């Protein structure tokens, strides 16, 4: 698996989703933003670790 987003872009997009009140559950993000999910899991060992960084 390769990343096609920078880590900073992943964190920025996660913050955007959070600020817009969108659900950040793994299931919902995987459904609506699969590219974001793939990239987050490339940079972080788990979805929970990615969310801790925002």
C-alpha atoms as a PDB file:
ATOM      1  CA  UNK A   1       0.000   0.000   0.000  1.00  0.00           C
ATOM      2  CA  UNK A   2       1.235   3.476  -0.863  1.00  0.00           C
ATOM      3  CA  UNK A   3       0.121   6.906   0.258  1.00  0.00           C
ATOM      4  CA  UNK A   4      -1.121   9.395  -2.290  1.00  0.00           C
ATOM      5  CA  UNK A   5      -1.640  12.150   0.288  1.00  0.00           C
ATOM      6  CA  UNK A   6       0.873  13.789   2.615  1.00  0.00           C
ATOM      7  CA  UNK A   7       0.471  13.199   6.337  1.00  0.00           C
ATOM      8  CA  UNK A   8      -0.250  16.907   6.834  1.00  0.00           C
ATOM      9  CA  UNK A   9      -3.070  16.677   4.274  1.00  0.00           C
ATOM     10  CA  UNK A  10      -4.566  13.658   6.037  1.00  0.00           C
ATOM     11  CA  UNK A  11      -4.575  15.501   9.377  1.00  0.00           C
ATOM     12  CA  UNK A  12      -5.974  18.655   7.755  1.00  0.00           C
ATOM     13  CA  UNK A  13      -8.843  16.699   6.179  1.00  0.00           C
ATOM     14  CA  UNK A  14      -9.583  14.913   9.453  1.00  0.00           C
ATOM     15  CA  UNK A  15      -9.734  18.272  11.250  1.00  0.00           C
ATOM     16  CA  UNK A  16     -12.042  19.596   8.542  1.00  0.00           C
ATOM     17  CA  UNK A  17     -14.412  16.672   8.950  1.00  0.00           C
ATOM     18  CA  UNK A  18     -14.371  17.106  12.738  1.00  0.00           C
ATOM     19  CA  UNK A  19     -14.972  20.859  12.508  1.00  0.00           C
ATOM     20  CA  UNK A  20     -17.874  20.275  10.108  1.00  0.00           C
ATOM     21  CA  UNK A  21     -19.470  17.880  12.591  1.00  0.00           C
ATOM     22  CA  UNK A  22     -19.143  14.845  10.326  1.00  0.00           C
ATOM     23  CA  UNK A  23     -18.978  11.435  12.002  1.00  0.00           C
ATOM     24  CA  UNK A  24     -15.429  10.201  12.489  1.00  0.00           C
ATOM     25  CA  UNK A  25     -16.230   6.548  13.094  1.00  0.00           C
ATOM     26  CA  UNK A  26     -14.048   4.201  11.110  1.00  0.00           C
ATOM     27  CA  UNK A  27     -17.062   2.764   9.298  1.00  0.00           C
ATOM     28  CA  UNK A  28     -18.489   6.147   8.224  1.00  0.00           C
ATOM     29  CA  UNK A  29     -15.166   7.564   7.053  1.00  0.00           C
ATOM     30  CA  UNK A  30     -14.366   4.359   5.176  1.00  0.00           C
ATOM     31  CA  UNK A  31     -17.737   4.626   3.369  1.00  0.00           C
ATOM     32  CA  UNK A  32     -17.599   8.340   2.546  1.00  0.00           C
ATOM     33  CA  UNK A  33     -13.847   8.996   2.306  1.00  0.00           C
ATOM     34  CA  UNK A  34     -12.053   5.739   1.426  1.00  0.00           C
ATOM     35  CA  UNK A  35      -8.946   7.556   0.124  1.00  0.00           C
ATOM     36  CA  UNK A  36      -8.612   9.411   3.436  1.00  0.00           C
ATOM     37  CA  UNK A  37      -8.991   6.158   5.368  1.00  0.00           C
ATOM     38  CA  UNK A  38      -6.334   4.389   3.276  1.00  0.00           C
ATOM     39  CA  UNK A  39      -3.883   7.220   3.729  1.00  0.00           C
ATOM     40  CA  UNK A  40      -4.531   7.581   7.462  1.00  0.00           C
ATOM     41  CA  UNK A  41      -3.842   3.876   7.955  1.00  0.00           C
ATOM     42  CA  UNK A  42      -0.659   4.201   5.913  1.00  0.00           C
ATOM     43  CA  UNK A  43       0.732   6.829   8.305  1.00  0.00           C
ATOM     44  CA  UNK A  44      -0.761   5.623  11.608  1.00  0.00           C
ATOM     45  CA  UNK A  45      -0.905   2.130  13.143  1.00  0.00           C
ATOM     46  CA  UNK A  46      -4.673   2.392  13.685  1.00  0.00           C
ATOM     47  CA  UNK A  47      -7.645   4.664  13.051  1.00  0.00           C
ATOM     48  CA  UNK A  48      -7.684   5.572  16.742  1.00  0.00           C
ATOM     49  CA  UNK A  49      -4.065   6.755  16.538  1.00  0.00           C
ATOM     50  CA  UNK A  50      -4.938   8.996  13.591  1.00  0.00           C
ATOM     51  CA  UNK A  51      -7.832  10.561  15.506  1.00  0.00           C
ATOM     52  CA  UNK A  52      -5.592  11.185  18.532  1.00  0.00           C
ATOM     53  CA  UNK A  53      -3.397  13.412  16.337  1.00  0.00           C
ATOM     54  CA  UNK A  54      -6.193  15.833  15.537  1.00  0.00           C
END
